[in-house]
Structures are given as C-alpha cells and as structure tokens.
Amino acid sequence: MRRNFQGTDRGKRVVADDGTAVGTIVRTDGDRASVLLDPERSEPGDPTGETGSRTTVAIDRRGVAESTNDRVRLVEGADPTDARRRA
C-alpha cells in the first residue's frame, strides 16, 4: 500500500491473498492497523468465548497488496494471526 492507513480505512474487511476473510479494521495508526479477527479465525486459547472479548492483530501497510473502498487484500504469504492480542 502506498499510503498510510487513515480513519476512512476503519470498517474495511481484510482478506488473505487467497480471498479468505481475516477480519475487520477497527483502529488505524499511520503505517499500522488493528484488525478484529473473525470468530472462525480463533484458535483454542483465544479469549473469544468470554463475553465482549475478541482477538485483534496488527497489520503493517507493507503487508497490503491492494486496498479498495470496501476491502484490504494482504500480500501472498502474509499471516496476521501470528501476533494475536486480546481486544
């Protein structure tokens, strides 16, 4: 992605390079964005079972291959689920 993330990127869907859904951008901070993972992306031990608790991951703009009005597609091989964090 040529530009930093902006407030208008919040709410965009994030998809992997193969088209599978990853989550939704919930926070932006310059060259990084926080993505709220979809429930099906959770793994055992993730706090998704607790009321109001979900998992976020950070993505870097260098890991973005394409950004449209409604979605952000990650570069091939990018796995944002490596750095999980409780929301």
PDB file of N, CA and C in Angstrom:
ATOM      1  N   MET A   1       0.856  -1.156   0.000  1.00  0.00           N
ATOM      2  CA  MET A   1       0.000   0.000   0.000  1.00  0.00           C
ATOM      3  C   MET A   1       0.905   1.222   0.000  1.00  0.00           C
ATOM      4  N   ARG A   2       0.607   2.158  -0.817  1.00  0.00           N
ATOM      5  CA  ARG A   2       1.484   3.319  -0.979  1.00  0.00           C
ATOM      6  C   ARG A   2       1.297   4.374   0.090  1.00  0.00           C
ATOM      7  N   ARG A   3       0.144   4.407   0.708  1.00  0.00           N
ATOM      8  CA  ARG A   3      -0.132   5.438   1.708  1.00  0.00           C
ATOM      9  C   ARG A   3      -0.296   4.796   3.086  1.00  0.00           C
ATOM     10  N   ASN A   4      -0.241   5.614   4.116  1.00  0.00           N
ATOM     11  CA  ASN A   4      -0.515   5.128   5.462  1.00  0.00           C
ATOM     12  C   ASN A   4      -1.997   4.833   5.610  1.00  0.00           C
ATOM     13  N   PHE A   5      -2.329   4.047   6.626  1.00  0.00           N
ATOM     14  CA  PHE A   5      -3.733   3.808   6.935  1.00  0.00           C
ATOM     15  C   PHE A   5      -4.348   5.115   7.415  1.00  0.00           C
ATOM     16  N   GLN A   6      -5.621   5.316   7.107  1.00  0.00           N
ATOM     17  CA  GLN A   6      -6.340   6.518   7.514  1.00  0.00           C
ATOM     18  C   GLN A   6      -7.620   6.112   8.228  1.00  0.00           C
ATOM     19  N   GLY A   7      -8.261   7.082   8.855  1.00  0.00           N
ATOM     20  CA  GLY A   7      -9.514   6.815   9.549  1.00  0.00           C
ATOM     21  C   GLY A   7     -10.581   6.234   8.643  1.00  0.00           C
ATOM     22  N   THR A   8     -10.528   6.573   7.362  1.00  0.00           N
ATOM     23  CA  THR A   8     -11.521   6.042   6.421  1.00  0.00           C
ATOM     24  C   THR A   8     -11.339   4.554   6.156  1.00  0.00           C
ATOM     25  N   ASP A   9     -10.216   3.978   6.586  1.00  0.00           N
ATOM     26  CA  ASP A   9      -9.987   2.541   6.415  1.00  0.00           C
ATOM     27  C   ASP A   9     -10.709   1.715   7.481  1.00  0.00           C
ATOM     28  N   ARG A  10     -11.119   2.356   8.572  1.00  0.00           N
ATOM     29  CA  ARG A  10     -11.853   1.625   9.614  1.00  0.00           C
ATOM     30  C   ARG A  10     -13.128   1.042   9.025  1.00  0.00           C
ATOM     31  N   GLY A  11     -13.411  -0.187   9.379  1.00  0.00           N
ATOM     32  CA  GLY A  11     -14.607  -0.859   8.885  1.00  0.00           C
ATOM     33  C   GLY A  11     -14.376  -1.671   7.625  1.00  0.00           C
ATOM     34  N   LYS A  12     -13.226  -1.516   6.987  1.00  0.00           N
ATOM     35  CA  LYS A  12     -12.940  -2.305   5.789  1.00  0.00           C
ATOM     36  C   LYS A  12     -12.675  -3.750   6.175  1.00  0.00           C
ATOM     37  N   ARG A  13     -13.099  -4.667   5.325  1.00  0.00           N
ATOM     38  CA  ARG A  13     -12.827  -6.081   5.517  1.00  0.00           C
ATOM     39  C   ARG A  13     -11.392  -6.372   5.083  1.00  0.00           C
ATOM     40  N   VAL A  14     -10.729  -7.242   5.806  1.00  0.00           N
ATOM     41  CA  VAL A  14      -9.377  -7.665   5.469  1.00  0.00           C
ATOM     42  C   VAL A  14      -9.464  -9.102   4.979  1.00  0.00           C
ATOM     43  N   VAL A  15      -8.883  -9.358   3.804  1.00  0.00           N
ATOM     44  CA  VAL A  15      -8.888 -10.704   3.234  1.00  0.00           C
ATOM     45  C   VAL A  15      -7.457 -11.132   2.949  1.00  0.00           C
ATOM     46  N   ALA A  16      -7.223 -12.441   3.030  1.00  0.00           N
ATOM     47  CA  ALA A  16      -5.917 -13.003   2.706  1.00  0.00           C
ATOM     48  C   ALA A  16      -5.743 -12.992   1.192  1.00  0.00           C
ATOM     49  N   ASP A  17      -4.550 -13.309   0.723  1.00  0.00           N
ATOM     50  CA  ASP A  17      -4.283 -13.287  -0.717  1.00  0.00           C
ATOM     51  C   ASP A  17      -5.127 -14.294  -1.484  1.00  0.00           C
ATOM     52  N   ASP A  18      -5.598 -15.354  -0.815  1.00  0.00           N
ATOM     53  CA  ASP A  18      -6.441 -16.351  -1.486  1.00  0.00           C
ATOM     54  C   ASP A  18      -7.928 -16.006  -1.416  1.00  0.00           C
ATOM     55  N   GLY A  19      -8.263 -14.865  -0.819  1.00  0.00           N
ATOM     56  CA  GLY A  19      -9.649 -14.410  -0.773  1.00  0.00           C
ATOM     57  C   GLY A  19     -10.411 -14.772   0.483  1.00  0.00           C
ATOM     58  N   THR A  20      -9.799 -15.539   1.398  1.00  0.00           N
ATOM     59  CA  THR A  20     -10.494 -15.897   2.632  1.00  0.00           C
ATOM     60  C   THR A  20     -10.514 -14.711   3.593  1.00  0.00           C
ATOM     61  N   ALA A  21     -11.618 -14.580   4.305  1.00  0.00           N
ATOM     62  CA  ALA A  21     -11.791 -13.459   5.229  1.00  0.00           C
ATOM     63  C   ALA A  21     -10.867 -13.598   6.432  1.00  0.00           C
ATOM     64  N   VAL A  22     -10.338 -12.479   6.885  1.00  0.00           N
ATOM     65  CA  VAL A  22      -9.486 -12.433   8.074  1.00  0.00           C
ATOM     66  C   VAL A  22     -10.199 -11.693   9.194  1.00  0.00           C
ATOM     67  N   GLY A  23     -10.716 -10.498   8.908  1.00  0.00           N
ATOM     68  CA  GLY A  23     -11.374  -9.698   9.931  1.00  0.00           C
ATOM     69  C   GLY A  23     -11.722  -8.318   9.415  1.00  0.00           C
ATOM     70  N   THR A  24     -11.858  -7.375  10.352  1.00  0.00           N
ATOM     71  CA  THR A  24     -12.266  -6.012  10.037  1.00  0.00           C
ATOM     72  C   THR A  24     -11.322  -5.021  10.709  1.00  0.00           C
ATOM     73  N   ILE A  25     -10.920  -3.985   9.991  1.00  0.00           N
ATOM     74  CA  ILE A  25     -10.056  -2.952  10.569  1.00  0.00           C
ATOM     75  C   ILE A  25     -10.860  -2.152  11.587  1.00  0.00           C
ATOM     76  N   VAL A  26     -10.336  -2.068  12.813  1.00  0.00           N
ATOM     77  CA  VAL A  26     -11.032  -1.346  13.877  1.00  0.00           C
ATOM     78  C   VAL A  26     -10.267  -0.121  14.362  1.00  0.00           C
ATOM     79  N   ARG A  27      -8.973  -0.047  14.077  1.00  0.00           N
ATOM     80  CA  ARG A  27      -8.164   1.086  14.533  1.00  0.00           C
ATOM     81  C   ARG A  27      -7.026   1.295  13.542  1.00  0.00           C
ATOM     82  N   THR A  28      -6.699   2.553  13.284  1.00  0.00           N
ATOM     83  CA  THR A  28      -5.588   2.856  12.384  1.00  0.00           C
ATOM     84  C   THR A  28      -4.592   3.755  13.099  1.00  0.00           C
ATOM     85  N   ASP A  29      -3.322   3.581  12.762  1.00  0.00           N
ATOM     86  CA  ASP A  29      -2.268   4.385  13.371  1.00  0.00           C
ATOM     87  C   ASP A  29      -1.112   4.504  12.382  1.00  0.00           C
ATOM     88  N   GLY A  30      -1.279   5.366  11.402  1.00  0.00           N
ATOM     89  CA  GLY A  30      -0.216   5.574  10.424  1.00  0.00           C
ATOM     90  C   GLY A  30       0.025   4.362   9.561  1.00  0.00           C
ATOM     91  N   ASP A  31       1.208   3.731   9.713  1.00  0.00           N
ATOM     92  CA  ASP A  31       1.527   2.592   8.858  1.00  0.00           C
ATOM     93  C   ASP A  31       1.055   1.255   9.425  1.00  0.00           C
ATOM     94  N   ARG A  32       0.311   1.284  10.530  1.00  0.00           N
ATOM     95  CA  ARG A  32      -0.216   0.045  11.122  1.00  0.00           C
ATOM     96  C   ARG A  32      -1.719   0.177  11.343  1.00  0.00           C
ATOM     97  N   ALA A  33      -2.388  -0.974  11.335  1.00  0.00           N
ATOM     98  CA  ALA A  33      -3.828  -1.006  11.599  1.00  0.00           C
ATOM     99  C   ALA A  33      -4.128  -2.217  12.470  1.00  0.00           C
ATOM    100  N   SER A  34      -5.110  -2.087  13.359  1.00  0.00           N
ATOM    101  CA  SER A  34      -5.560  -3.203  14.186  1.00  0.00           C
ATOM    102  C   SER A  34      -6.755  -3.852  13.511  1.00  0.00           C
ATOM    103  N   VAL A  35      -6.709  -5.181  13.427  1.00  0.00           N
ATOM    104  CA  VAL A  35      -7.761  -5.948  12.767  1.00  0.00           C
ATOM    105  C   VAL A  35      -8.434  -6.844  13.794  1.00  0.00           C
ATOM    106  N   LEU A  36      -9.756  -6.721  13.905  1.00  0.00           N
ATOM    107  CA  LEU A  36     -10.546  -7.596  14.765  1.00  0.00           C
ATOM    108  C   LEU A  36     -10.797  -8.873  13.983  1.00  0.00           C
ATOM    109  N   LEU A  37     -10.241  -9.987  14.463  1.00  0.00           N
ATOM    110  CA  LEU A  37     -10.353 -11.250  13.742  1.00  0.00           C
ATOM    111  C   LEU A  37     -11.784 -11.769  13.739  1.00  0.00           C
ATOM    112  N   ASP A  38     -12.158 -12.410  12.639  1.00  0.00           N
ATOM    113  CA  ASP A  38     -13.442 -13.090  12.568  1.00  0.00           C
ATOM    114  C   ASP A  38     -13.418 -14.270  13.537  1.00  0.00           C
ATOM    115  N   PRO A  39     -14.573 -14.621  14.139  1.00  0.00           N
ATOM    116  CA  PRO A  39     -14.614 -15.722  15.116  1.00  0.00           C
ATOM    117  C   PRO A  39     -14.063 -17.038  14.577  1.00  0.00           C
ATOM    118  N   GLU A  40     -14.251 -17.335  13.303  1.00  0.00           N
ATOM    119  CA  GLU A  40     -13.749 -18.603  12.755  1.00  0.00           C
ATOM    120  C   GLU A  40     -12.233 -18.630  12.632  1.00  0.00           C
ATOM    121  N   ARG A  41     -11.575 -17.496  12.790  1.00  0.00           N
ATOM    122  CA  ARG A  41     -10.115 -17.432  12.765  1.00  0.00           C
ATOM    123  C   ARG A  41      -9.508 -17.689  14.144  1.00  0.00           C
ATOM    124  N   SER A  42     -10.341 -17.840  15.146  1.00  0.00           N
ATOM    125  CA  SER A  42      -9.822 -18.033  16.500  1.00  0.00           C
ATOM    126  C   SER A  42      -9.262 -19.438  16.663  1.00  0.00           C
ATOM    127  N   GLU A  43      -8.384 -19.573  17.616  1.00  0.00           N
ATOM    128  CA  GLU A  43      -7.767 -20.851  17.938  1.00  0.00           C
ATOM    129  C   GLU A  43      -8.038 -21.165  19.397  1.00  0.00           C
ATOM    130  N   PRO A  44      -7.881 -22.429  19.794  1.00  0.00           N
ATOM    131  CA  PRO A  44      -8.046 -22.749  21.214  1.00  0.00           C
ATOM    132  C   PRO A  44      -7.124 -21.874  22.061  1.00  0.00           C
ATOM    133  N   GLY A  45      -7.674 -21.318  23.111  1.00  0.00           N
ATOM    134  CA  GLY A  45      -6.901 -20.436  23.974  1.00  0.00           C
ATOM    135  C   GLY A  45      -7.146 -18.971  23.702  1.00  0.00           C
ATOM    136  N   ASP A  46      -7.679 -18.636  22.521  1.00  0.00           N
ATOM    137  CA  ASP A  46      -8.046 -17.245  22.247  1.00  0.00           C
ATOM    138  C   ASP A  46      -9.241 -16.893  23.119  1.00  0.00           C
ATOM    139  N   PRO A  47      -9.333 -15.668  23.582  1.00  0.00           N
ATOM    140  CA  PRO A  47     -10.392 -15.288  24.529  1.00  0.00           C
ATOM    141  C   PRO A  47     -11.743 -14.989  23.881  1.00  0.00           C
ATOM    142  N   THR A  48     -12.091 -15.634  22.761  1.00  0.00           N
ATOM    143  CA  THR A  48     -13.337 -15.313  22.070  1.00  0.00           C
ATOM    144  C   THR A  48     -14.562 -15.816  22.811  1.00  0.00           C
ATOM    145  N   GLY A  49     -14.408 -16.753  23.715  1.00  0.00           N
ATOM    146  CA  GLY A  49     -15.551 -17.285  24.440  1.00  0.00           C
ATOM    147  C   GLY A  49     -16.048 -16.375  25.543  1.00  0.00           C
ATOM    148  N   GLU A  50     -15.222 -15.456  25.992  1.00  0.00           N
ATOM    149  CA  GLU A  50     -15.614 -14.554  27.068  1.00  0.00           C
ATOM    150  C   GLU A  50     -16.509 -13.449  26.524  1.00  0.00           C
ATOM    151  N   THR A  51     -17.474 -13.037  27.310  1.00  0.00           N
ATOM    152  CA  THR A  51     -18.409 -12.008  26.881  1.00  0.00           C
ATOM    153  C   THR A  51     -17.679 -10.723  26.502  1.00  0.00           C
ATOM    154  N   GLY A  52     -17.936 -10.231  25.304  1.00  0.00           N
ATOM    155  CA  GLY A  52     -17.344  -8.973  24.851  1.00  0.00           C
ATOM    156  C   GLY A  52     -15.869  -9.041  24.541  1.00  0.00           C
ATOM    157  N   SER A  53     -15.311 -10.220  24.491  1.00  0.00           N
ATOM    158  CA  SER A  53     -13.877 -10.357  24.279  1.00  0.00           C
ATOM    159  C   SER A  53     -13.605 -10.951  22.902  1.00  0.00           C
ATOM    160  N   ARG A  54     -12.720 -10.313  22.145  1.00  0.00           N
ATOM    161  CA  ARG A  54     -12.324 -10.802  20.829  1.00  0.00           C
ATOM    162  C   ARG A  54     -10.819 -10.605  20.694  1.00  0.00           C
ATOM    163  N   THR A  55     -10.257 -11.085  19.618  1.00  0.00           N
ATOM    164  CA  THR A  55      -8.825 -11.005  19.395  1.00  0.00           C
ATOM    165  C   THR A  55      -8.518 -10.038  18.257  1.00  0.00           C
ATOM    166  N   THR A  56      -7.519  -9.180  18.469  1.00  0.00           N
ATOM    167  CA  THR A  56      -7.068  -8.283  17.410  1.00  0.00           C
ATOM    168  C   THR A  56      -5.636  -8.625  17.030  1.00  0.00           C
ATOM    169  N   VAL A  57      -5.282  -8.305  15.803  1.00  0.00           N
ATOM    170  CA  VAL A  57      -3.909  -8.436  15.324  1.00  0.00           C
ATOM    171  C   VAL A  57      -3.545  -7.135  14.627  1.00  0.00           C
ATOM    172  N   ALA A  58      -2.266  -6.870  14.525  1.00  0.00           N
ATOM    173  CA  ALA A  58      -1.796  -5.666  13.835  1.00  0.00           C
ATOM    174  C   ALA A  58      -1.286  -6.054  12.456  1.00  0.00           C
ATOM    175  N   ILE A  59      -1.610  -5.224  11.470  1.00  0.00           N
ATOM    176  CA  ILE A  59      -1.047  -5.407  10.139  1.00  0.00           C
ATOM    177  C   ILE A  59      -0.282  -4.142   9.772  1.00  0.00           C
ATOM    178  N   ASP A  60       0.737  -4.323   8.971  1.00  0.00           N
ATOM    179  CA  ASP A  60       1.573  -3.225   8.509  1.00  0.00           C
ATOM    180  C   ASP A  60       1.203  -2.920   7.062  1.00  0.00           C
ATOM    181  N   ARG A  61       1.297  -1.670   6.665  1.00  0.00           N
ATOM    182  CA  ARG A  61       0.907  -1.312   5.300  1.00  0.00           C
ATOM    183  C   ARG A  61       1.768  -2.007   4.252  1.00  0.00           C
ATOM    184  N   ARG A  62       2.985  -2.410   4.609  1.00  0.00           N
ATOM    185  CA  ARG A  62       3.838  -3.144   3.664  1.00  0.00           C
ATOM    186  C   ARG A  62       3.275  -4.526   3.365  1.00  0.00           C
ATOM    187  N   GLY A  63       2.382  -5.026   4.240  1.00  0.00           N
ATOM    188  CA  GLY A  63       1.763  -6.329   4.028  1.00  0.00           C
ATOM    189  C   GLY A  63       0.481  -6.274   3.232  1.00  0.00           C
ATOM    190  N   VAL A  64       0.145  -5.088   2.726  1.00  0.00           N
ATOM    191  CA  VAL A  64      -1.100  -4.910   1.970  1.00  0.00           C
ATOM    192  C   VAL A  64      -0.785  -4.880   0.478  1.00  0.00           C
ATOM    193  N   ALA A  65      -1.431  -5.775  -0.270  1.00  0.00           N
ATOM    194  CA  ALA A  65      -1.233  -5.817  -1.720  1.00  0.00           C
ATOM    195  C   ALA A  65      -2.153  -4.847  -2.435  1.00  0.00           C
ATOM    196  N   GLU A  66      -3.398  -4.714  -1.933  1.00  0.00           N
ATOM    197  CA  GLU A  66      -4.390  -3.895  -2.617  1.00  0.00           C
ATOM    198  C   GLU A  66      -5.395  -3.374  -1.602  1.00  0.00           C
ATOM    199  N   SER A  67      -5.837  -2.149  -1.789  1.00  0.00           N
ATOM    200  CA  SER A  67      -6.867  -1.568  -0.938  1.00  0.00           C
ATOM    201  C   SER A  67      -7.941  -0.955  -1.828  1.00  0.00           C
ATOM    202  N   THR A  68      -9.192  -1.372  -1.623  1.00  0.00           N
ATOM    203  CA  THR A  68     -10.314  -0.812  -2.374  1.00  0.00           C
ATOM    204  C   THR A  68     -11.217  -0.076  -1.391  1.00  0.00           C
ATOM    205  N   ASN A  69     -12.372   0.372  -1.854  1.00  0.00           N
ATOM    206  CA  ASN A  69     -13.293   1.105  -0.988  1.00  0.00           C
ATOM    207  C   ASN A  69     -13.851   0.261   0.145  1.00  0.00           C
ATOM    208  N   ASP A  70     -13.912  -1.058  -0.038  1.00  0.00           N
ATOM    209  CA  ASP A  70     -14.544  -1.886   0.987  1.00  0.00           C
ATOM    210  C   ASP A  70     -13.676  -3.004   1.540  1.00  0.00           C
ATOM    211  N   ARG A  71     -12.483  -3.218   0.980  1.00  0.00           N
ATOM    212  CA  ARG A  71     -11.649  -4.298   1.498  1.00  0.00           C
ATOM    213  C   ARG A  71     -10.168  -4.012   1.320  1.00  0.00           C
ATOM    214  N   VAL A  72      -9.384  -4.745   2.103  1.00  0.00           N
ATOM    215  CA  VAL A  72      -7.927  -4.682   2.039  1.00  0.00           C
ATOM    216  C   VAL A  72      -7.445  -6.109   1.810  1.00  0.00           C
ATOM    217  N   ARG A  73      -6.676  -6.329   0.739  1.00  0.00           N
ATOM    218  CA  ARG A  73      -6.155  -7.662   0.440  1.00  0.00           C
ATOM    219  C   ARG A  73      -4.683  -7.701   0.824  1.00  0.00           C
ATOM    220  N   LEU A  74      -4.305  -8.732   1.571  1.00  0.00           N
ATOM    221  CA  LEU A  74      -2.926  -8.877   2.041  1.00  0.00           C
ATOM    222  C   LEU A  74      -2.048  -9.497   0.964  1.00  0.00           C
ATOM    223  N   VAL A  75      -0.744  -9.283   1.078  1.00  0.00           N
ATOM    224  CA  VAL A  75       0.207  -9.871   0.138  1.00  0.00           C
ATOM    225  C   VAL A  75       0.266 -11.375   0.352  1.00  0.00           C
ATOM    226  N   GLU A  76       0.754 -12.070  -0.644  1.00  0.00           N
ATOM    227  CA  GLU A  76       0.865 -13.521  -0.571  1.00  0.00           C
ATOM    228  C   GLU A  76       1.790 -13.921   0.576  1.00  0.00           C
ATOM    229  N   GLY A  77       1.360 -14.872   1.356  1.00  0.00           N
ATOM    230  CA  GLY A  77       2.157 -15.375   2.464  1.00  0.00           C
ATOM    231  C   GLY A  77       2.016 -14.607   3.765  1.00  0.00           C
ATOM    232  N   ALA A  78       1.303 -13.503   3.759  1.00  0.00           N
ATOM    233  CA  ALA A  78       1.114 -12.717   4.987  1.00  0.00           C
ATOM    234  C   ALA A  78       0.167 -13.454   5.923  1.00  0.00           C
ATOM    235  N   ASP A  79       0.556 -13.593   7.185  1.00  0.00           N
ATOM    236  CA  ASP A  79      -0.288 -14.245   8.182  1.00  0.00           C
ATOM    237  C   ASP A  79      -0.406 -13.330   9.396  1.00  0.00           C
ATOM    238  N   PRO A  80      -1.422 -12.483   9.413  1.00  0.00           N
ATOM    239  CA  PRO A  80      -1.557 -11.541  10.524  1.00  0.00           C
ATOM    240  C   PRO A  80      -1.948 -12.201  11.834  1.00  0.00           C
ATOM    241  N   THR A  81      -2.340 -13.461  11.812  1.00  0.00           N
ATOM    242  CA  THR A  81      -2.766 -14.121  13.047  1.00  0.00           C
ATOM    243  C   THR A  81      -1.586 -14.548  13.912  1.00  0.00           C
ATOM    244  N   ASP A  82      -0.361 -14.284  13.472  1.00  0.00           N
ATOM    245  CA  ASP A  82       0.817 -14.630  14.273  1.00  0.00           C
ATOM    246  C   ASP A  82       0.919 -13.807  15.550  1.00  0.00           C
ATOM    247  N   ALA A  83       0.488 -12.562  15.517  1.00  0.00           N
ATOM    248  CA  ALA A  83       0.643 -11.661  16.666  1.00  0.00           C
ATOM    249  C   ALA A  83      -0.718 -11.345  17.276  1.00  0.00           C
ATOM    250  N   ARG A  84      -1.326 -12.325  17.917  1.00  0.00           N
ATOM    251  CA  ARG A  84      -2.663 -12.148  18.499  1.00  0.00           C
ATOM    252  C   ARG A  84      -2.600 -11.327  19.777  1.00  0.00           C
ATOM    253  N   ARG A  85      -3.674 -10.567  19.990  1.00  0.00           N
ATOM    254  CA  ARG A  85      -3.765  -9.743  21.188  1.00  0.00           C
ATOM    255  C   ARG A  85      -5.232  -9.643  21.575  1.00  0.00           C
ATOM    256  N   ARG A  86      -5.510  -9.721  22.846  1.00  0.00           N
ATOM    257  CA  ARG A  86      -6.887  -9.636  23.304  1.00  0.00           C
ATOM    258  C   ARG A  86      -7.415  -8.215  23.151  1.00  0.00           C
ATOM    259  N   ALA A  87      -8.619  -8.097  22.601  1.00  0.00           N
ATOM    260  CA  ALA A  87      -9.237  -6.776  22.416  1.00  0.00           C
ATOM    261  C   ALA A  87      -9.999  -6.376  23.654  1.00  0.00           C
TER     262      ALA A  87
END
